[in-house]
Amino acid sequence: MDIKDIQNKVVKVSDIYAKKCNINRDDDWYILKLQEEIGELTQIYLSESSRGRNVGVVPEQLKQEFANELSDVIGQVLLIANHHNIDIEEALERKWFRYLV
């Protein structure tokens, strides 16, 4: 599966979520939702690194929650790219992978 396939699946899930929860996904929503997801990732990271609240969650569960929140951040980035008609694969090639030559 390539990034475009993943992005299409993420968009479908987001469409279902928006319809079910009656969410208006305007330009602000995409950025603000990314910030929310980064906050949740940070919260789990702080718990996992013993610098935040740990409400009796075992380390394996914290690691799973960290992975889940990281996937939320990546999903939201893909949603933003889709919303702004950005080819994220091309952008990665241009910005990151140019150093591999």
PDB file of N, CA and C in Angstrom:
ATOM      1  N   MET A   1       0.841  -1.171   0.000  1.00  0.00           N
ATOM      2  CA  MET A   1       0.000   0.000   0.000  1.00  0.00           C
ATOM      3  C   MET A   1       0.893   1.243   0.000  1.00  0.00           C
ATOM      4  N   ASP A   2       0.588   2.195  -0.857  1.00  0.00           N
ATOM      5  CA  ASP A   2       1.380   3.421  -0.910  1.00  0.00           C
ATOM      6  C   ASP A   2       0.672   4.549  -0.144  1.00  0.00           C
ATOM      7  N   ILE A   3       1.319   5.679  -0.060  1.00  0.00           N
ATOM      8  CA  ILE A   3       0.778   6.790   0.720  1.00  0.00           C
ATOM      9  C   ILE A   3      -0.576   7.245   0.174  1.00  0.00           C
ATOM     10  N   LYS A   4      -0.721   7.269  -1.131  1.00  0.00           N
ATOM     11  CA  LYS A   4      -1.992   7.711  -1.725  1.00  0.00           C
ATOM     12  C   LYS A   4      -3.131   6.786  -1.308  1.00  0.00           C
ATOM     13  N   ASP A   5      -2.884   5.487  -1.284  1.00  0.00           N
ATOM     14  CA  ASP A   5      -3.909   4.539  -0.829  1.00  0.00           C
ATOM     15  C   ASP A   5      -4.267   4.789   0.636  1.00  0.00           C
ATOM     16  N   ILE A   6      -3.250   4.996   1.449  1.00  0.00           N
ATOM     17  CA  ILE A   6      -3.481   5.277   2.867  1.00  0.00           C
ATOM     18  C   ILE A   6      -4.263   6.582   3.020  1.00  0.00           C
ATOM     19  N   GLN A   7      -3.854   7.592   2.269  1.00  0.00           N
ATOM     20  CA  GLN A   7      -4.532   8.884   2.330  1.00  0.00           C
ATOM     21  C   GLN A   7      -6.006   8.742   1.953  1.00  0.00           C
ATOM     22  N   ASN A   8      -6.306   7.991   0.916  1.00  0.00           N
ATOM     23  CA  ASN A   8      -7.694   7.791   0.503  1.00  0.00           C
ATOM     24  C   ASN A   8      -8.511   7.109   1.595  1.00  0.00           C
ATOM     25  N   LYS A   9      -7.922   6.135   2.271  1.00  0.00           N
ATOM     26  CA  LYS A   9      -8.620   5.470   3.365  1.00  0.00           C
ATOM     27  C   LYS A   9      -8.862   6.427   4.533  1.00  0.00           C
ATOM     28  N   VAL A  10      -7.863   7.224   4.859  1.00  0.00           N
ATOM     29  CA  VAL A  10      -7.991   8.199   5.939  1.00  0.00           C
ATOM     30  C   VAL A  10      -9.109   9.195   5.620  1.00  0.00           C
ATOM     31  N   VAL A  11      -9.170   9.648   4.377  1.00  0.00           N
ATOM     32  CA  VAL A  11     -10.212  10.589   3.964  1.00  0.00           C
ATOM     33  C   VAL A  11     -11.588   9.945   4.123  1.00  0.00           C
ATOM     34  N   LYS A  12     -11.727   8.691   3.733  1.00  0.00           N
ATOM     35  CA  LYS A  12     -13.013   7.997   3.873  1.00  0.00           C
ATOM     36  C   LYS A  12     -13.434   7.898   5.336  1.00  0.00           C
ATOM     37  N   VAL A  13     -12.495   7.540   6.197  1.00  0.00           N
ATOM     38  CA  VAL A  13     -12.803   7.447   7.630  1.00  0.00           C
ATOM     39  C   VAL A  13     -13.196   8.822   8.167  1.00  0.00           C
ATOM     40  N   SER A  14     -12.465   9.856   7.775  1.00  0.00           N
ATOM     41  CA  SER A  14     -12.776  11.210   8.232  1.00  0.00           C
ATOM     42  C   SER A  14     -14.147  11.658   7.734  1.00  0.00           C
ATOM     43  N   ASP A  15     -14.487  11.303   6.516  1.00  0.00           N
ATOM     44  CA  ASP A  15     -15.819  11.634   5.984  1.00  0.00           C
ATOM     45  C   ASP A  15     -16.914  10.993   6.826  1.00  0.00           C
ATOM     46  N   ILE A  16     -16.719   9.729   7.189  1.00  0.00           N
ATOM     47  CA  ILE A  16     -17.693   9.015   8.029  1.00  0.00           C
ATOM     48  C   ILE A  16     -17.802   9.704   9.387  1.00  0.00           C
ATOM     49  N   TYR A  17     -16.649  10.006   9.993  1.00  0.00           N
ATOM     50  CA  TYR A  17     -16.596  10.658  11.303  1.00  0.00           C
ATOM     51  C   TYR A  17     -17.296  12.017  11.265  1.00  0.00           C
ATOM     52  N   ALA A  18     -17.005  12.814  10.248  1.00  0.00           N
ATOM     53  CA  ALA A  18     -17.594  14.151  10.133  1.00  0.00           C
ATOM     54  C   ALA A  18     -19.107  14.075   9.978  1.00  0.00           C
ATOM     55  N   LYS A  19     -19.571  13.138   9.184  1.00  0.00           N
ATOM     56  CA  LYS A  19     -21.010  12.990   8.979  1.00  0.00           C
ATOM     57  C   LYS A  19     -21.688  12.518  10.264  1.00  0.00           C
ATOM     58  N   LYS A  20     -21.101  11.525  10.904  1.00  0.00           N
ATOM     59  CA  LYS A  20     -21.673  10.953  12.121  1.00  0.00           C
ATOM     60  C   LYS A  20     -21.722  11.991  13.247  1.00  0.00           C
ATOM     61  N   CYS A  21     -20.689  12.808  13.369  1.00  0.00           N
ATOM     62  CA  CYS A  21     -20.586  13.778  14.462  1.00  0.00           C
ATOM     63  C   CYS A  21     -21.010  15.186  14.063  1.00  0.00           C
ATOM     64  N   ASN A  22     -21.497  15.341  12.829  1.00  0.00           N
ATOM     65  CA  ASN A  22     -21.966  16.634  12.315  1.00  0.00           C
ATOM     66  C   ASN A  22     -20.883  17.713  12.459  1.00  0.00           C
ATOM     67  N   ILE A  23     -19.697  17.415  11.913  1.00  0.00           N
ATOM     68  CA  ILE A  23     -18.548  18.319  12.014  1.00  0.00           C
ATOM     69  C   ILE A  23     -18.336  19.035  10.679  1.00  0.00           C
ATOM     70  N   ASN A  24     -18.214  20.345  10.765  1.00  0.00           N
ATOM     71  CA  ASN A  24     -17.893  21.154   9.595  1.00  0.00           C
ATOM     72  C   ASN A  24     -16.374  21.254   9.496  1.00  0.00           C
ATOM     73  N   ARG A  25     -15.789  20.579   8.530  1.00  0.00           N
ATOM     74  CA  ARG A  25     -14.335  20.559   8.382  1.00  0.00           C
ATOM     75  C   ARG A  25     -13.883  21.682   7.451  1.00  0.00           C
ATOM     76  N   ASP A  26     -13.816  22.888   7.988  1.00  0.00           N
ATOM     77  CA  ASP A  26     -13.315  24.017   7.213  1.00  0.00           C
ATOM     78  C   ASP A  26     -11.793  24.082   7.344  1.00  0.00           C
ATOM     79  N   ASP A  27     -11.181  25.094   6.754  1.00  0.00           N
ATOM     80  CA  ASP A  27      -9.717  25.207   6.790  1.00  0.00           C
ATOM     81  C   ASP A  27      -9.190  25.192   8.219  1.00  0.00           C
ATOM     82  N   ASP A  28      -9.845  25.934   9.100  1.00  0.00           N
ATOM     83  CA  ASP A  28      -9.398  25.980  10.494  1.00  0.00           C
ATOM     84  C   ASP A  28      -9.465  24.615  11.161  1.00  0.00           C
ATOM     85  N   TRP A  29     -10.510  23.858  10.879  1.00  0.00           N
ATOM     86  CA  TRP A  29     -10.673  22.564  11.536  1.00  0.00           C
ATOM     87  C   TRP A  29      -9.473  21.666  11.301  1.00  0.00           C
ATOM     88  N   TYR A  30      -8.959  21.623  10.093  1.00  0.00           N
ATOM     89  CA  TYR A  30      -7.847  20.726   9.778  1.00  0.00           C
ATOM     90  C   TYR A  30      -6.604  21.045  10.620  1.00  0.00           C
ATOM     91  N   ILE A  31      -6.272  22.311  10.739  1.00  0.00           N
ATOM     92  CA  ILE A  31      -5.103  22.710  11.515  1.00  0.00           C
ATOM     93  C   ILE A  31      -5.356  22.552  13.009  1.00  0.00           C
ATOM     94  N   LEU A  32      -6.522  22.966  13.467  1.00  0.00           N
ATOM     95  CA  LEU A  32      -6.831  22.859  14.893  1.00  0.00           C
ATOM     96  C   LEU A  32      -6.907  21.401  15.333  1.00  0.00           C
ATOM     97  N   LYS A  33      -7.452  20.548  14.487  1.00  0.00           N
ATOM     98  CA  LYS A  33      -7.519  19.120  14.815  1.00  0.00           C
ATOM     99  C   LYS A  33      -6.115  18.527  14.875  1.00  0.00           C
ATOM    100  N   LEU A  34      -5.223  18.953  13.984  1.00  0.00           N
ATOM    101  CA  LEU A  34      -3.830  18.498  14.052  1.00  0.00           C
ATOM    102  C   LEU A  34      -3.215  18.904  15.385  1.00  0.00           C
ATOM    103  N   GLN A  35      -3.453  20.132  15.805  1.00  0.00           N
ATOM    104  CA  GLN A  35      -2.916  20.600  17.084  1.00  0.00           C
ATOM    105  C   GLN A  35      -3.469  19.766  18.235  1.00  0.00           C
ATOM    106  N   GLU A  36      -4.742  19.431  18.184  1.00  0.00           N
ATOM    107  CA  GLU A  36      -5.339  18.575  19.217  1.00  0.00           C
ATOM    108  C   GLU A  36      -4.648  17.218  19.261  1.00  0.00           C
ATOM    109  N   GLU A  37      -4.427  16.636  18.097  1.00  0.00           N
ATOM    110  CA  GLU A  37      -3.793  15.314  18.034  1.00  0.00           C
ATOM    111  C   GLU A  37      -2.346  15.366  18.527  1.00  0.00           C
ATOM    112  N   ILE A  38      -1.628  16.433  18.206  1.00  0.00           N
ATOM    113  CA  ILE A  38      -0.257  16.583  18.699  1.00  0.00           C
ATOM    114  C   ILE A  38      -0.258  16.706  20.222  1.00  0.00           C
ATOM    115  N   GLY A  39      -1.244  17.410  20.757  1.00  0.00           N
ATOM    116  CA  GLY A  39      -1.376  17.514  22.206  1.00  0.00           C
ATOM    117  C   GLY A  39      -1.603  16.166  22.858  1.00  0.00           C
ATOM    118  N   GLU A  40      -2.455  15.345  22.252  1.00  0.00           N
ATOM    119  CA  GLU A  40      -2.709  14.005  22.789  1.00  0.00           C
ATOM    120  C   GLU A  40      -1.461  13.132  22.702  1.00  0.00           C
ATOM    121  N   LEU A  41      -0.720  13.249  21.612  1.00  0.00           N
ATOM    122  CA  LEU A  41       0.536  12.514  21.464  1.00  0.00           C
ATOM    123  C   LEU A  41       1.529  12.942  22.541  1.00  0.00           C
ATOM    124  N   THR A  42       1.614  14.236  22.776  1.00  0.00           N
ATOM    125  CA  THR A  42       2.516  14.769  23.794  1.00  0.00           C
ATOM    126  C   THR A  42       2.122  14.269  25.181  1.00  0.00           C
ATOM    127  N   GLN A  43       0.840  14.256  25.463  1.00  0.00           N
ATOM    128  CA  GLN A  43       0.356  13.790  26.764  1.00  0.00           C
ATOM    129  C   GLN A  43       0.766  12.341  27.008  1.00  0.00           C
ATOM    130  N   ILE A  44       0.594  11.488  26.014  1.00  0.00           N
ATOM    131  CA  ILE A  44       0.973  10.082  26.156  1.00  0.00           C
ATOM    132  C   ILE A  44       2.488   9.958  26.289  1.00  0.00           C
ATOM    133  N   TYR A  45       3.229  10.747  25.520  1.00  0.00           N
ATOM    134  CA  TYR A  45       4.685  10.715  25.611  1.00  0.00           C
ATOM    135  C   TYR A  45       5.146  11.072  27.024  1.00  0.00           C
ATOM    136  N   LEU A  46       4.551  12.105  27.593  1.00  0.00           N
ATOM    137  CA  LEU A  46       4.916  12.502  28.953  1.00  0.00           C
ATOM    138  C   LEU A  46       4.606  11.392  29.953  1.00  0.00           C
ATOM    139  N   SER A  47       3.485  10.729  29.786  1.00  0.00           N
ATOM    140  CA  SER A  47       3.148   9.606  30.675  1.00  0.00           C
ATOM    141  C   SER A  47       4.129   8.461  30.486  1.00  0.00           C
ATOM    142  N   GLU A  48       4.435   8.158  29.231  1.00  0.00           N
ATOM    143  CA  GLU A  48       5.336   7.044  28.920  1.00  0.00           C
ATOM    144  C   GLU A  48       6.748   7.303  29.446  1.00  0.00           C
ATOM    145  N   SER A  49       7.154   8.565  29.488  1.00  0.00           N
ATOM    146  CA  SER A  49       8.509   8.906  29.934  1.00  0.00           C
ATOM    147  C   SER A  49       8.538   9.318  31.411  1.00  0.00           C
ATOM    148  N   SER A  50       7.482   8.982  32.127  1.00  0.00           N
ATOM    149  CA  SER A  50       7.369   9.251  33.578  1.00  0.00           C
ATOM    150  C   SER A  50       7.440  10.736  33.921  1.00  0.00           C
ATOM    151  N   ARG A  51       6.954  11.581  33.019  1.00  0.00           N
ATOM    152  CA  ARG A  51       6.916  13.017  33.287  1.00  0.00           C
ATOM    153  C   ARG A  51       5.494  13.560  33.249  1.00  0.00           C
ATOM    154  N   GLY A  52       4.531  12.651  33.252  1.00  0.00           N
ATOM    155  CA  GLY A  52       3.131  13.045  33.240  1.00  0.00           C
ATOM    156  C   GLY A  52       2.314  12.047  34.029  1.00  0.00           C
ATOM    157  N   ARG A  53       1.031  12.310  34.121  1.00  0.00           N
ATOM    158  CA  ARG A  53       0.144  11.418  34.864  1.00  0.00           C
ATOM    159  C   ARG A  53       0.142  10.023  34.258  1.00  0.00           C
ATOM    160  N   ASN A  54       0.203   9.054  35.125  1.00  0.00           N
ATOM    161  CA  ASN A  54       0.055   7.659  34.713  1.00  0.00           C
ATOM    162  C   ASN A  54      -0.997   7.062  35.627  1.00  0.00           C
ATOM    163  N   VAL A  55      -2.188   6.916  35.098  1.00  0.00           N
ATOM    164  CA  VAL A  55      -3.320   6.458  35.904  1.00  0.00           C
ATOM    165  C   VAL A  55      -3.411   4.937  35.902  1.00  0.00           C
ATOM    166  N   GLY A  56      -2.301   4.294  36.305  1.00  0.00           N
ATOM    167  CA  GLY A  56      -2.306   2.842  36.418  1.00  0.00           C
ATOM    168  C   GLY A  56      -2.224   2.101  35.098  1.00  0.00           C
ATOM    169  N   VAL A  57      -1.734   2.754  34.069  1.00  0.00           N
ATOM    170  CA  VAL A  57      -1.615   2.121  32.755  1.00  0.00           C
ATOM    171  C   VAL A  57      -0.246   1.456  32.662  1.00  0.00           C
ATOM    172  N   VAL A  58      -0.225   0.211  32.239  1.00  0.00           N
ATOM    173  CA  VAL A  58       1.031  -0.527  32.130  1.00  0.00           C
ATOM    174  C   VAL A  58       1.827  -0.021  30.923  1.00  0.00           C
ATOM    175  N   PRO A  59       3.163  -0.163  30.961  1.00  0.00           N
ATOM    176  CA  PRO A  59       4.014   0.358  29.881  1.00  0.00           C
ATOM    177  C   PRO A  59       3.614  -0.133  28.485  1.00  0.00           C
ATOM    178  N   GLU A  60       3.196  -1.392  28.361  1.00  0.00           N
ATOM    179  CA  GLU A  60       2.804  -1.901  27.049  1.00  0.00           C
ATOM    180  C   GLU A  60       1.588  -1.157  26.508  1.00  0.00           C
ATOM    181  N   GLN A  61       0.664  -0.823  27.404  1.00  0.00           N
ATOM    182  CA  GLN A  61      -0.532  -0.080  26.984  1.00  0.00           C
ATOM    183  C   GLN A  61      -0.168   1.355  26.597  1.00  0.00           C
ATOM    184  N   LEU A  62       0.750   1.971  27.352  1.00  0.00           N
ATOM    185  CA  LEU A  62       1.203   3.313  26.997  1.00  0.00           C
ATOM    186  C   LEU A  62       1.869   3.325  25.627  1.00  0.00           C
ATOM    187  N   LYS A  63       2.659   2.301  25.352  1.00  0.00           N
ATOM    188  CA  LYS A  63       3.315   2.217  24.038  1.00  0.00           C
ATOM    189  C   LYS A  63       2.275   2.101  22.927  1.00  0.00           C
ATOM    190  N   GLN A  64       1.226   1.297  23.153  1.00  0.00           N
ATOM    191  CA  GLN A  64       0.153   1.151  22.166  1.00  0.00           C
ATOM    192  C   GLN A  64      -0.595   2.470  21.981  1.00  0.00           C
ATOM    193  N   GLU A  65      -0.853   3.153  23.085  1.00  0.00           N
ATOM    194  CA  GLU A  65      -1.545   4.446  23.003  1.00  0.00           C
ATOM    195  C   GLU A  65      -0.684   5.486  22.288  1.00  0.00           C
ATOM    196  N   PHE A  66       0.638   5.448  22.524  1.00  0.00           N
ATOM    197  CA  PHE A  66       1.550   6.342  21.819  1.00  0.00           C
ATOM    198  C   PHE A  66       1.480   6.081  20.316  1.00  0.00           C
ATOM    199  N   ALA A  67       1.499   4.807  19.936  1.00  0.00           N
ATOM    200  CA  ALA A  67       1.397   4.440  18.517  1.00  0.00           C
ATOM    201  C   ALA A  67       0.065   4.914  17.934  1.00  0.00           C
ATOM    202  N   ASN A  68      -1.012   4.753  18.701  1.00  0.00           N
ATOM    203  CA  ASN A  68      -2.326   5.194  18.234  1.00  0.00           C
ATOM    204  C   ASN A  68      -2.366   6.700  18.010  1.00  0.00           C
ATOM    205  N   GLU A  69      -1.811   7.454  18.956  1.00  0.00           N
ATOM    206  CA  GLU A  69      -1.816   8.913  18.813  1.00  0.00           C
ATOM    207  C   GLU A  69      -0.904   9.359  17.664  1.00  0.00           C
ATOM    208  N   LEU A  70       0.208   8.674  17.479  1.00  0.00           N
ATOM    209  CA  LEU A  70       1.080   8.984  16.351  1.00  0.00           C
ATOM    210  C   LEU A  70       0.353   8.745  15.031  1.00  0.00           C
ATOM    211  N   SER A  71      -0.435   7.676  14.978  1.00  0.00           N
ATOM    212  CA  SER A  71      -1.207   7.423  13.756  1.00  0.00           C
ATOM    213  C   SER A  71      -2.266   8.495  13.549  1.00  0.00           C
ATOM    214  N   ASP A  72      -2.831   9.030  14.640  1.00  0.00           N
ATOM    215  CA  ASP A  72      -3.782  10.142  14.505  1.00  0.00           C
ATOM    216  C   ASP A  72      -3.110  11.368  13.906  1.00  0.00           C
ATOM    217  N   VAL A  73      -1.886  11.670  14.347  1.00  0.00           N
ATOM    218  CA  VAL A  73      -1.151  12.821  13.814  1.00  0.00           C
ATOM    219  C   VAL A  73      -0.873  12.616  12.326  1.00  0.00           C
ATOM    220  N   ILE A  74      -0.401  11.439  11.963  1.00  0.00           N
ATOM    221  CA  ILE A  74      -0.111  11.167  10.548  1.00  0.00           C
ATOM    222  C   ILE A  74      -1.389  11.235   9.719  1.00  0.00           C
ATOM    223  N   GLY A  75      -2.460  10.663  10.248  1.00  0.00           N
ATOM    224  CA  GLY A  75      -3.743  10.722   9.543  1.00  0.00           C
ATOM    225  C   GLY A  75      -4.193  12.152   9.321  1.00  0.00           C
ATOM    226  N   GLN A  76      -4.039  12.981  10.339  1.00  0.00           N
ATOM    227  CA  GLN A  76      -4.471  14.368  10.206  1.00  0.00           C
ATOM    228  C   GLN A  76      -3.605  15.120   9.210  1.00  0.00           C
ATOM    229  N   VAL A  77      -2.306  14.830   9.180  1.00  0.00           N
ATOM    230  CA  VAL A  77      -1.431  15.456   8.177  1.00  0.00           C
ATOM    231  C   VAL A  77      -1.884  15.061   6.771  1.00  0.00           C
ATOM    232  N   LEU A  78      -2.235  13.804   6.590  1.00  0.00           N
ATOM    233  CA  LEU A  78      -2.721  13.356   5.276  1.00  0.00           C
ATOM    234  C   LEU A  78      -4.039  14.027   4.912  1.00  0.00           C
ATOM    235  N   LEU A  79      -4.895  14.268   5.910  1.00  0.00           N
ATOM    236  CA  LEU A  79      -6.149  14.978   5.647  1.00  0.00           C
ATOM    237  C   LEU A  79      -5.895  16.414   5.213  1.00  0.00           C
ATOM    238  N   ILE A  80      -4.940  17.062   5.869  1.00  0.00           N
ATOM    239  CA  ILE A  80      -4.604  18.441   5.482  1.00  0.00           C
ATOM    240  C   ILE A  80      -4.068  18.466   4.059  1.00  0.00           C
ATOM    241  N   ALA A  81      -3.178  17.546   3.739  1.00  0.00           N
ATOM    242  CA  ALA A  81      -2.629  17.482   2.377  1.00  0.00           C
ATOM    243  C   ALA A  81      -3.750  17.283   1.365  1.00  0.00           C
ATOM    244  N   ASN A  82      -4.670  16.385   1.660  1.00  0.00           N
ATOM    245  CA  ASN A  82      -5.791  16.138   0.758  1.00  0.00           C
ATOM    246  C   ASN A  82      -6.663  17.384   0.610  1.00  0.00           C
ATOM    247  N   HIS A  83      -6.962  18.037   1.723  1.00  0.00           N
ATOM    248  CA  HIS A  83      -7.820  19.225   1.717  1.00  0.00           C
ATOM    249  C   HIS A  83      -7.227  20.340   0.859  1.00  0.00           C
ATOM    250  N   HIS A  84      -5.904  20.455   0.860  1.00  0.00           N
ATOM    251  CA  HIS A  84      -5.225  21.512   0.110  1.00  0.00           C
ATOM    252  C   HIS A  84      -4.680  21.028  -1.235  1.00  0.00           C
ATOM    253  N   ASN A  85      -5.121  19.834  -1.654  1.00  0.00           N
ATOM    254  CA  ASN A  85      -4.695  19.265  -2.939  1.00  0.00           C
ATOM    255  C   ASN A  85      -3.184  19.209  -3.079  1.00  0.00           C
ATOM    256  N   ILE A  86      -2.527  18.770  -2.030  1.00  0.00           N
ATOM    257  CA  ILE A  86      -1.068  18.631  -2.036  1.00  0.00           C
ATOM    258  C   ILE A  86      -0.729  17.156  -2.250  1.00  0.00           C
ATOM    259  N   ASP A  87       0.124  16.908  -3.218  1.00  0.00           N
ATOM    260  CA  ASP A  87       0.627  15.561  -3.451  1.00  0.00           C
ATOM    261  C   ASP A  87       1.747  15.331  -2.448  1.00  0.00           C
ATOM    262  N   ILE A  88       1.425  14.644  -1.363  1.00  0.00           N
ATOM    263  CA  ILE A  88       2.371  14.495  -0.270  1.00  0.00           C
ATOM    264  C   ILE A  88       3.593  13.662  -0.685  1.00  0.00           C
ATOM    265  N   GLU A  89       3.389  12.710  -1.587  1.00  0.00           N
ATOM    266  CA  GLU A  89       4.528  11.925  -2.076  1.00  0.00           C
ATOM    267  C   GLU A  89       5.510  12.822  -2.824  1.00  0.00           C
ATOM    268  N   GLU A  90       4.980  13.679  -3.679  1.00  0.00           N
ATOM    269  CA  GLU A  90       5.838  14.589  -4.441  1.00  0.00           C
ATOM    270  C   GLU A  90       6.530  15.569  -3.503  1.00  0.00           C
ATOM    271  N   ALA A  91       5.808  16.046  -2.500  1.00  0.00           N
ATOM    272  CA  ALA A  91       6.395  16.985  -1.542  1.00  0.00           C
ATOM    273  C   ALA A  91       7.521  16.321  -0.743  1.00  0.00           C
ATOM    274  N   LEU A  92       7.332  15.074  -0.353  1.00  0.00           N
ATOM    275  CA  LEU A  92       8.388  14.348   0.351  1.00  0.00           C
ATOM    276  C   LEU A  92       9.620  14.157  -0.537  1.00  0.00           C
ATOM    277  N   GLU A  93       9.377  13.822  -1.782  1.00  0.00           N
ATOM    278  CA  GLU A  93      10.484  13.662  -2.729  1.00  0.00           C
ATOM    279  C   GLU A  93      11.275  14.971  -2.842  1.00  0.00           C
ATOM    280  N   ARG A  94      10.544  16.061  -2.993  1.00  0.00           N
ATOM    281  CA  ARG A  94      11.179  17.366  -3.197  1.00  0.00           C
ATOM    282  C   ARG A  94      11.885  17.858  -1.935  1.00  0.00           C
ATOM    283  N   LYS A  95      11.258  17.701  -0.781  1.00  0.00           N
ATOM    284  CA  LYS A  95      11.775  18.294   0.453  1.00  0.00           C
ATOM    285  C   LYS A  95      12.751  17.378   1.197  1.00  0.00           C
ATOM    286  N   TRP A  96      12.429  16.107   1.319  1.00  0.00           N
ATOM    287  CA  TRP A  96      13.227  15.179   2.128  1.00  0.00           C
ATOM    288  C   TRP A  96      14.181  14.314   1.317  1.00  0.00           C
ATOM    289  N   PHE A  97      13.640  13.682   0.306  1.00  0.00           N
ATOM    290  CA  PHE A  97      14.397  12.637  -0.374  1.00  0.00           C
ATOM    291  C   PHE A  97      15.443  13.166  -1.336  1.00  0.00           C
ATOM    292  N   ARG A  98      15.471  14.457  -1.565  1.00  0.00           N
ATOM    293  CA  ARG A  98      16.509  15.036  -2.412  1.00  0.00           C
ATOM    294  C   ARG A  98      17.901  14.842  -1.817  1.00  0.00           C
ATOM    295  N   TYR A  99      17.943  14.627  -0.524  1.00  0.00           N
ATOM    296  CA  TYR A  99      19.236  14.418   0.149  1.00  0.00           C
ATOM    297  C   TYR A  99      19.780  13.015  -0.066  1.00  0.00           C
ATOM    298  N   LEU A 100      19.008  12.151  -0.652  1.00  0.00           N
ATOM    299  CA  LEU A 100      19.423  10.758  -0.842  1.00  0.00           C
ATOM    300  C   LEU A 100      20.180  10.549  -2.145  1.00  0.00           C
ATOM    301  N   VAL A 101      20.328  11.572  -2.942  1.00  0.00           N
ATOM    302  CA  VAL A 101      21.031  11.411  -4.231  1.00  0.00           C
ATOM    303  C   VAL A 101      22.523  11.621  -4.078  1.00  0.00           C
TER     304      VAL A 101
END
